[in-house]
Every structure is written in C-alpha cells, then in structure tokens.
C-alpha atoms as a PDB file:
ATOM      1  CA  MET A   1      41.494  12.795   7.255  1.00  0.00           C
ATOM      2  CA  LEU A   2      38.196  10.859   7.496  1.00  0.00           C
ATOM      3  CA  LEU A   3      40.066   7.611   8.080  1.00  0.00           C
ATOM      4  CA  SER A   4      42.029   9.086  10.982  1.00  0.00           C
ATOM      5  CA  LEU A   5      38.727  10.174  12.551  1.00  0.00           C
ATOM      6  CA  GLY A   6      37.401   6.613  12.290  1.00  0.00           C
ATOM      7  CA  LEU A   7      34.646   7.584   9.862  1.00  0.00           C
ATOM      8  CA  GLY A   8      33.642   5.131   7.149  1.00  0.00           C
ATOM      9  CA  GLU A   9      32.286   5.540   3.630  1.00  0.00           C
ATOM     10  CA  ALA A  10      28.971   6.959   4.882  1.00  0.00           C
ATOM     11  CA  ALA A  11      30.754  10.132   5.981  1.00  0.00           C
ATOM     12  CA  LYS A  12      31.555  10.844   2.313  1.00  0.00           C
ATOM     13  CA  ARG A  13      27.954  10.550   1.135  1.00  0.00           C
ATOM     14  CA  ASN A  14      25.430  13.319   0.603  1.00  0.00           C
ATOM     15  CA  VAL A  15      21.890  13.164   1.945  1.00  0.00           C
ATOM     16  CA  GLY A  16      19.245  12.548  -0.733  1.00  0.00           C
ATOM     17  CA  THR A  17      17.393   9.821  -2.596  1.00  0.00           C
ATOM     18  CA  GLY A  18      19.757   9.381  -5.560  1.00  0.00           C
ATOM     19  CA  ALA A  19      22.441   6.784  -6.204  1.00  0.00           C
ATOM     20  CA  ASN A  20      25.182   6.720  -3.548  1.00  0.00           C
ATOM     21  CA  GLN A  21      23.232   9.056  -1.274  1.00  0.00           C
ATOM     22  CA  ILE A  22      21.950   8.429   2.239  1.00  0.00           C
ATOM     23  CA  PRO A  23      18.190   9.033   2.659  1.00  0.00           C
ATOM     24  CA  ASP A  24      17.042  10.957   5.705  1.00  0.00           C
ATOM     25  CA  MET A  25      13.955   9.914   7.650  1.00  0.00           C
ATOM     26  CA  GLY A  26      11.865  12.496   5.764  1.00  0.00           C
ATOM     27  CA  SER A  27      12.246  10.253   2.698  1.00  0.00           C
ATOM     28  CA  PHE A  28      10.099   7.574   4.375  1.00  0.00           C
ATOM     29  CA  THR A  29       6.613   9.134   4.451  1.00  0.00           C
ATOM     30  CA  LEU A  30       4.189   7.114   6.587  1.00  0.00           C
ATOM     31  CA  SER A  31       0.482   7.404   7.313  1.00  0.00           C
ATOM     32  CA  VAL A  32      -0.380   4.943  10.066  1.00  0.00           C
ATOM     33  CA  SER A  33      -4.070   4.181  10.467  1.00  0.00           C
ATOM     34  CA  GLY A  34      -6.614   1.580   9.396  1.00  0.00           C
ATOM     35  CA  THR A  35      -6.239   3.000   5.904  1.00  0.00           C
ATOM     36  CA  GLY A  36      -2.730   4.209   5.201  1.00  0.00           C
ATOM     37  CA  TYR A  37       0.440   4.104   3.168  1.00  0.00           C
ATOM     38  CA  GLN A  38       4.232   3.975   3.331  1.00  0.00           C
ATOM     39  CA  LYS A  39       6.400   5.796   0.776  1.00  0.00           C
ATOM     40  CA  PHE A  40       9.996   4.681   0.273  1.00  0.00           C
ATOM     41  CA  PRO A  41      12.913   6.763  -1.089  1.00  0.00           C
ATOM     42  CA  SER A  42      13.003   4.628  -4.263  1.00  0.00           C
ATOM     43  CA  GLY A  43       9.485   5.780  -5.169  1.00  0.00           C
ATOM     44  CA  PHE A  44       7.886   2.470  -4.152  1.00  0.00           C
ATOM     45  CA  ILE A  45       4.574   2.891  -2.288  1.00  0.00           C
ATOM     46  CA  LEU A  46       2.734   0.360  -0.121  1.00  0.00           C
ATOM     47  CA  GLN A  47      -0.946   1.097   0.668  1.00  0.00           C
ATOM     48  CA  TRP A  48      -3.549  -0.725   2.774  1.00  0.00           C
ATOM     49  CA  GLY A  49      -7.111  -0.347   3.933  1.00  0.00           C
ATOM     50  CA  SER A  50     -10.642  -1.711   4.151  1.00  0.00           C
ATOM     51  CA  ILE A  51     -13.058  -2.519   1.364  1.00  0.00           C
ATOM     52  CA  GLY A  52     -16.656  -1.427   1.852  1.00  0.00           C
ATOM     53  CA  ALA A  53     -19.031  -4.373   2.187  1.00  0.00           C
ATOM     54  CA  PRO A  54     -22.279  -3.843   0.254  1.00  0.00           C
ATOM     55  CA  GLY A  55     -25.461  -5.636   1.276  1.00  0.00           C
ATOM     56  CA  ILE A  56     -25.802  -7.213  -2.179  1.00  0.00           C
ATOM     57  CA  ALA A  57     -23.348  -9.004  -4.458  1.00  0.00           C
ATOM     58  CA  GLN A  58     -21.962  -6.282  -6.707  1.00  0.00           C
ATOM     59  CA  ASP A  59     -18.691  -4.713  -7.782  1.00  0.00           C
ATOM     60  CA  VAL A  60     -17.170  -2.401  -5.175  1.00  0.00           C
ATOM     61  CA  VAL A  61     -14.944   0.536  -6.109  1.00  0.00           C
ATOM     62  CA  THR A  62     -12.270   1.246  -3.490  1.00  0.00           C
ATOM     63  CA  HIS A  63     -10.079   4.342  -3.630  1.00  0.00           C
ATOM     64  CA  PHE A  64      -6.461   4.199  -2.523  1.00  0.00           C
ATOM     65  CA  PRO A  65      -5.463   6.514   0.364  1.00  0.00           C
ATOM     66  CA  ILE A  66      -3.227   8.407  -2.100  1.00  0.00           C
ATOM     67  CA  ALA A  67      -2.878   8.189  -5.871  1.00  0.00           C
ATOM     68  CA  PHE A  68       0.092   6.255  -7.228  1.00  0.00           C
ATOM     69  CA  PRO A  69       2.168   8.827  -9.180  1.00  0.00           C
ATOM     70  CA  ASN A  70       3.064   6.312 -11.918  1.00  0.00           C
ATOM     71  CA  ARG A  71       1.040   3.110 -11.607  1.00  0.00           C
ATOM     72  CA  CYS A  72      -0.377   0.447  -9.357  1.00  0.00           C
ATOM     73  CA  LEU A  73       1.669  -2.740  -9.736  1.00  0.00           C
ATOM     74  CA  ARG A  74      -0.481  -5.172  -7.744  1.00  0.00           C
ATOM     75  CA  VAL A  75      -3.557  -5.290  -5.516  1.00  0.00           C
ATOM     76  CA  LEU A  76      -4.067  -8.128  -3.026  1.00  0.00           C
ATOM     77  CA  VAL A  77      -7.403  -8.590  -1.251  1.00  0.00           C
ATOM     78  CA  SER A  78      -8.424 -10.656   1.751  1.00  0.00           C
ATOM     79  CA  GLN A  79     -11.786 -11.488   3.308  1.00  0.00           C
ATOM     80  CA  ASP A  80     -11.935 -10.262   6.918  1.00  0.00           C
ATOM     81  CA  TYR A  81     -13.552 -12.073   9.816  1.00  0.00           C
ATOM     82  CA  THR A  82     -16.995 -10.643  10.480  1.00  0.00           C
ATOM     83  CA  PRO A  83     -18.166 -11.612  13.995  1.00  0.00           C
ATOM     84  CA  ASP A  84     -21.585 -13.268  14.269  1.00  0.00           C
ATOM     85  CA  SER A  85     -22.089 -13.218  10.499  1.00  0.00           C
ATOM     86  CA  GLY A  86     -22.409 -16.991  10.243  1.00  0.00           C
ATOM     87  CA  ALA A  87     -20.910 -16.711   6.774  1.00  0.00           C
ATOM     88  CA  VAL A  88     -17.680 -17.599   5.055  1.00  0.00           C
ATOM     89  CA  GLY A  89     -16.829 -16.071   1.728  1.00  0.00           C
ATOM     90  CA  TYR A  90     -14.112 -14.994  -0.598  1.00  0.00           C
ATOM     91  CA  ILE A  91     -13.223 -11.771  -2.356  1.00  0.00           C
ATOM     92  CA  ALA A  92     -11.468 -11.270  -5.665  1.00  0.00           C
ATOM     93  CA  CYS A  93     -10.136  -8.421  -7.750  1.00  0.00           C
ATOM     94  CA  ALA A  94      -7.998  -8.041 -10.817  1.00  0.00           C
ATOM     95  CA  GLY A  95      -4.473  -8.257  -9.401  1.00  0.00           C
ATOM     96  CA  PHE A  96      -3.233  -5.429 -11.595  1.00  0.00           C
ATOM     97  CA  SER A  97      -5.038  -2.106 -11.550  1.00  0.00           C
ATOM     98  CA  PRO A  98      -4.178   0.295 -14.374  1.00  0.00           C
ATOM     99  CA  ASP A  99      -5.972   3.039 -12.429  1.00  0.00           C
ATOM    100  CA  PRO A 100      -3.639   4.911 -10.033  1.00  0.00           C
ATOM    101  CA  VAL A 101      -6.466   5.984  -7.680  1.00  0.00           C
ATOM    102  CA  LYS A 102      -8.837   3.001  -7.318  1.00  0.00           C
ATOM    103  CA  PHE A 103      -9.556  -0.691  -7.937  1.00  0.00           C
ATOM    104  CA  ILE A 104     -12.673  -2.864  -8.277  1.00  0.00           C
ATOM    105  CA  SER A 105     -13.437  -6.027  -6.297  1.00  0.00           C
ATOM    106  CA  ARG A 106     -16.366  -8.369  -5.694  1.00  0.00           C
ATOM    107  CA  ALA A 107     -17.110 -10.623  -2.715  1.00  0.00           C
ATOM    108  CA  SER A 108     -18.966 -13.938  -2.828  1.00  0.00           C
ATOM    109  CA  THR A 109     -21.014 -13.199   0.277  1.00  0.00           C
ATOM    110  CA  PRO A 110     -22.666  -9.777   0.698  1.00  0.00           C
ATOM    111  CA  GLY A 111     -21.941  -7.902   3.917  1.00  0.00           C
ATOM    112  CA  LEU A 112     -18.606  -9.486   4.808  1.00  0.00           C
ATOM    113  CA  GLY A 113     -15.710  -7.122   5.386  1.00  0.00           C
ATOM    114  CA  ALA A 114     -12.476  -7.226   3.425  1.00  0.00           C
ATOM    115  CA  SER A 115      -9.046  -5.599   3.306  1.00  0.00           C
ATOM    116  CA  PHE A 116      -6.546  -4.713   0.612  1.00  0.00           C
ATOM    117  CA  LEU A 117      -2.816  -4.305   0.189  1.00  0.00           C
ATOM    118  CA  ALA A 118      -1.615  -2.422  -2.899  1.00  0.00           C
ATOM    119  CA  LEU A 119       1.899  -1.989  -4.267  1.00  0.00           C
ATOM    120  CA  GLY A 120       2.927   0.666  -6.742  1.00  0.00           C
ATOM    121  CA  CYS A 121       5.183   3.529  -7.641  1.00  0.00           C
END
C-alpha cells in the first residue's frame, strides 16, 4: 500500500528519539543568545558563552547555561579581542570538566574577555 502511494521507508517510522524513529523539531532544543545551548535528540549538548574577565590574574569559575545531565566531555576556551586594550593574552582551562554545571579557567592577561564552547551529554 505505501509503495503504491510513493511513500518511502520514512512513512513506516514512528516519531521519537529512539532507534529507527524520526525526531520531530521539538527534539532539538535551542537557546540562541550570547550564552546558549543546543540539545540534540541523541542527548548530546553543545553550550557556549562568555567568561568573566577579572581585573587580576586569578582562577575564574564559569557556569554553563544549563547543567549537563550526565557529564561534560570537553571545554574549549578562546581569548576574545578586547578593543583598545593594548594587550594580547591567552586563556587556558582543563579540557575535561568533571563538574556538570561549571568549569575553571585562567587568563594570562587580566581584563581581557574570553569565550567558551562546551560539549557534553
């Protein structure tokens, strides 16, 4: 019957996030802003945002927009361009964060902005 209607294999699938199911758009949660996240049907989560720039060289605790339900797999950080700062620096953090809600970083030059990208599930 489905073949005579010209419908392919997708017509036989149920909507959901399990094996052999077709996810609907509600399975792709997205928060678009300077600090945000994207959830995928597989459970994978991508998060991004800014890192506060203290006026002195010290560790900075940054909270993720949402907690990772299981774990953070990787955190990547990048020094942002700060207009008229006259400074160039770098920022570093432990690439793996066992904490599902935050990570710690430190910049070489106080006051420069930075950004992060975190991957988890």
